């Protein structure tokens, strides 16, 4: 019964995390809209690899990491800097200079992996679920892998959904009027997320 309750709570937290704007879905959405669905295959693969490495590493080190206030504060501000740079870059994007028929501007495997390690929302989410659910879901490596299987399955499906959503709006991305508006909306959502994390402060 404890494992079932923990699983339901984990699913609820994942649903809340996916319902709020974050770098992964917004990047996948915009990238697919610009370059098509297939362009997201290496990007989502990189996101999956980065998520696995992060979750497994945090799971193994959760006891020491959750007690290290300096590390948590550092991770928070690195993530804040990443979100700020990303939001500013989206607002400053010269939409007229984009050429979707060329590979220039495409991102892939390495970027997908690296994005996870400077994603403040990702760190907070993973530290939270690993500290709460490892023991109820089997403990040790079993608990860690159980969490990874659940979170990655749902997150990858969500990234695929964002990919198809972005691809369906590809015509709007290339429109001189609506394209810039879409990017401004994405930038605004990232900015709101940045403000929310700024107000909340580091999780220590």
Protein backbone atom coordinates (compact mmCIF):
# COMPACT_ATOMS: atom_id res chain seq x y z
CA UNK A 1 0.00 0.00 0.00
CA UNK A 2 2.86 2.37 0.84
CA UNK A 3 4.41 1.83 -2.61
CA UNK A 4 1.07 2.46 -4.33
CA UNK A 5 0.55 5.69 -2.40
CA UNK A 6 4.08 6.81 -3.16
CA UNK A 7 3.59 6.08 -6.86
CA UNK A 8 0.39 8.12 -6.96
CA UNK A 9 2.10 11.01 -5.19
CA UNK A 10 5.03 10.78 -7.61
CA UNK A 11 2.64 10.89 -10.58
CA UNK A 12 0.94 13.95 -9.10
CA UNK A 13 4.26 15.78 -8.72
CA UNK A 14 5.24 14.87 -12.28
CA UNK A 15 1.87 16.19 -13.54
CA UNK A 16 2.41 19.48 -11.71
CA UNK A 17 5.96 19.75 -13.08
CA UNK A 18 4.77 19.15 -16.65
CA UNK A 19 1.93 21.65 -16.26
CA UNK A 20 4.35 24.49 -15.51
CA UNK A 21 6.56 26.02 -18.23
CA UNK A 22 10.14 24.80 -18.39
CA UNK A 23 13.15 24.86 -20.72
CA UNK A 24 12.69 21.31 -22.03
CA UNK A 25 9.11 21.52 -23.36
CA UNK A 26 9.53 25.07 -24.66
CA UNK A 27 12.77 24.19 -26.46
CA UNK A 28 11.30 21.03 -27.97
CA UNK A 29 8.15 22.92 -29.01
CA UNK A 30 10.01 25.78 -30.70
CA UNK A 31 12.67 23.56 -32.30
CA UNK A 32 10.04 21.28 -33.83
CA UNK A 33 8.08 24.25 -35.12
CA UNK A 34 11.16 25.61 -36.87
CA UNK A 35 12.85 22.47 -38.16
CA UNK A 36 10.21 19.72 -38.13
CA UNK A 37 9.46 16.65 -36.00
CA UNK A 38 12.50 14.61 -37.07
CA UNK A 39 14.87 17.36 -35.94
CA UNK A 40 13.80 16.65 -32.35
CA UNK A 41 14.91 13.01 -32.33
CA UNK A 42 18.52 13.76 -31.28
CA UNK A 43 17.35 16.58 -29.00
CA UNK A 44 14.89 14.38 -27.09
CA UNK A 45 17.46 11.56 -26.98
CA UNK A 46 19.90 13.99 -25.37
CA UNK A 47 17.25 15.13 -22.88
CA UNK A 48 16.58 11.48 -21.96
CA UNK A 49 20.29 10.72 -21.48
CA UNK A 50 20.79 13.85 -19.40
CA UNK A 51 17.75 13.05 -17.25
CA UNK A 52 18.94 9.50 -16.61
CA UNK A 53 22.44 10.62 -15.61
CA UNK A 54 21.07 13.35 -13.35
CA UNK A 55 18.47 11.19 -11.64
CA UNK A 56 20.77 8.24 -11.07
CA UNK A 57 23.58 10.47 -9.76
CA UNK A 58 21.29 12.45 -7.47
CA UNK A 59 19.67 9.24 -6.24
CA UNK A 60 23.04 7.83 -5.20
CA UNK A 61 24.15 11.09 -3.58
CA UNK A 62 20.83 12.32 -2.20
CA UNK A 63 21.73 11.95 1.48
CA UNK A 64 24.84 14.11 1.26
CA UNK A 65 23.40 16.46 -1.38
CA UNK A 66 20.22 17.26 0.53
CA UNK A 67 22.33 18.24 3.55
CA UNK A 68 24.78 20.39 1.55
CA UNK A 69 23.30 23.88 1.66
CA UNK A 70 26.13 25.39 -0.40
CA UNK A 71 25.61 22.91 -3.24
CA UNK A 72 21.84 23.48 -3.30
CA UNK A 73 22.23 27.27 -3.35
CA UNK A 74 24.86 27.04 -6.11
CA UNK A 75 22.64 24.80 -8.23
CA UNK A 76 19.74 27.18 -7.73
CA UNK A 77 21.63 30.25 -8.99
CA UNK A 78 23.25 28.39 -11.89
CA UNK A 79 19.79 27.31 -12.97
CA UNK A 80 18.49 30.87 -12.52
CA UNK A 81 21.27 32.20 -14.73
CA UNK A 82 20.49 29.60 -17.40
CA UNK A 83 16.78 30.50 -17.44
CA UNK A 84 17.56 34.21 -17.63
CA UNK A 85 20.00 33.80 -20.52
CA UNK A 86 17.55 31.58 -22.38
CA UNK A 87 14.65 34.02 -21.91
CA UNK A 88 16.74 37.00 -23.05
CA UNK A 89 18.01 35.06 -26.07
CA UNK A 90 14.44 34.24 -27.13
CA UNK A 91 13.36 37.88 -26.85
CA UNK A 92 16.40 39.06 -28.82
CA UNK A 93 16.05 36.41 -31.53
CA UNK A 94 16.15 37.95 -35.00
CA UNK A 95 13.29 35.98 -36.50
CA UNK A 96 13.91 37.31 -40.01
CA UNK A 97 17.42 35.83 -40.03
CA UNK A 98 16.22 32.25 -39.46
CA UNK A 99 16.45 29.93 -42.46
CA UNK A 100 14.58 26.74 -41.64
CA UNK A 101 15.75 25.11 -44.88
CA UNK A 102 19.29 25.00 -43.52
CA UNK A 103 20.72 23.21 -40.52
CA UNK A 104 21.96 26.45 -38.96
CA UNK A 105 20.33 26.91 -35.57
CA UNK A 106 19.45 23.25 -35.06
CA UNK A 107 20.35 21.75 -31.70
CA UNK A 108 20.81 18.08 -30.92
CA UNK A 109 22.14 15.37 -28.64
CA UNK A 110 24.87 17.29 -26.79
CA UNK A 111 22.67 20.31 -26.19
CA UNK A 112 19.85 18.10 -24.91
CA UNK A 113 22.21 16.48 -22.41
CA UNK A 114 23.86 19.72 -21.26
CA UNK A 115 20.53 21.51 -20.84
CA UNK A 116 19.58 19.20 -17.98
CA UNK A 117 22.62 20.06 -15.88
CA UNK A 118 21.96 23.82 -15.93
CA UNK A 119 18.19 23.51 -15.56
CA UNK A 120 17.30 24.81 -12.10
CA UNK A 121 13.77 23.45 -12.30
CA UNK A 122 15.13 19.99 -13.16
CA UNK A 123 17.49 19.95 -10.18
CA UNK A 124 14.76 21.03 -7.76
CA UNK A 125 12.35 18.44 -9.17
CA UNK A 126 14.83 15.56 -9.08
CA UNK A 127 16.13 16.34 -5.59
CA UNK A 128 12.53 16.49 -4.35
CA UNK A 129 11.39 13.17 -5.80
CA UNK A 130 14.59 11.31 -4.96
CA UNK A 131 14.52 12.47 -1.34
CA UNK A 132 10.85 11.52 -0.94
CA UNK A 133 10.30 8.32 -2.92
CA UNK A 134 13.43 6.15 -3.01
CA UNK A 135 12.58 4.25 0.15
CA UNK A 136 8.80 3.83 -0.46
CA UNK A 137 9.51 2.47 -3.96
CA UNK A 138 11.96 -0.22 -2.92
CA UNK A 139 14.97 1.60 -1.49
CA UNK A 140 18.52 1.80 -2.81
CA UNK A 141 19.15 1.20 -6.52
CA UNK A 142 15.73 -0.45 -6.91
CA UNK A 143 13.97 2.68 -5.65
CA UNK A 144 16.15 4.94 -7.82
CA UNK A 145 15.50 2.92 -10.97
CA UNK A 146 11.78 2.74 -10.20
CA UNK A 147 11.61 6.53 -10.05
CA UNK A 148 13.68 6.86 -13.23
CA UNK A 149 11.44 4.47 -15.19
CA UNK A 150 8.27 6.35 -14.17
CA UNK A 151 9.58 9.89 -14.65
CA UNK A 152 11.42 9.26 -17.92
CA UNK A 153 8.53 7.37 -19.48
CA UNK A 154 6.12 10.22 -18.81
CA UNK A 155 8.59 13.01 -19.60
CA UNK A 156 9.64 11.49 -22.94
CA UNK A 157 5.98 11.04 -23.93
CA UNK A 158 5.40 14.68 -22.98
CA UNK A 159 8.37 15.82 -25.11
CA UNK A 160 6.99 13.83 -28.06
CA UNK A 161 3.60 15.51 -27.57
CA UNK A 162 5.25 18.95 -27.52
CA UNK A 163 7.13 17.97 -30.67
CA UNK A 164 3.94 17.17 -32.58
CA UNK A 165 2.28 20.29 -31.20
CA UNK A 166 5.14 22.47 -32.40
CA UNK A 167 5.23 20.75 -35.80
CA UNK A 168 1.50 21.38 -36.30
CA UNK A 169 2.15 25.06 -35.76
CA UNK A 170 5.15 25.14 -38.11
CA UNK A 171 3.25 27.38 -40.52
CA UNK A 172 2.77 29.94 -37.77
CA UNK A 173 6.46 29.79 -36.85
CA UNK A 174 7.38 30.85 -40.38
CA UNK A 175 4.72 33.56 -40.50
CA UNK A 176 6.18 37.07 -40.23
CA UNK A 177 3.34 38.18 -37.95
CA UNK A 178 2.69 35.18 -35.72
CA UNK A 179 6.19 33.67 -35.59
CA UNK A 180 7.70 36.45 -33.45
CA UNK A 181 4.63 36.38 -31.20
CA UNK A 182 5.08 32.68 -30.48
CA UNK A 183 8.68 33.25 -29.44
CA UNK A 184 7.65 36.19 -27.26
CA UNK A 185 5.11 33.97 -25.53
CA UNK A 186 7.80 31.32 -24.93
CA UNK A 187 10.14 34.00 -23.61
CA UNK A 188 7.41 35.37 -21.35
CA UNK A 189 6.68 31.91 -19.91
CA UNK A 190 10.37 31.39 -19.14
CA UNK A 191 10.51 34.84 -17.58
CA UNK A 192 7.54 34.02 -15.34
CA UNK A 193 9.24 30.79 -14.30
CA UNK A 194 12.40 32.76 -13.50
CA UNK A 195 10.44 35.21 -11.35
CA UNK A 196 8.70 32.34 -9.53
CA UNK A 197 12.04 30.69 -8.69
CA UNK A 198 13.49 34.08 -7.68
CA UNK A 199 10.65 34.68 -5.25
CA UNK A 200 10.83 31.15 -3.87
CA UNK A 201 14.62 31.23 -3.47
CA UNK A 202 16.93 28.22 -3.08
CA UNK A 203 15.41 25.02 -1.70
CA UNK A 204 17.51 24.35 1.41
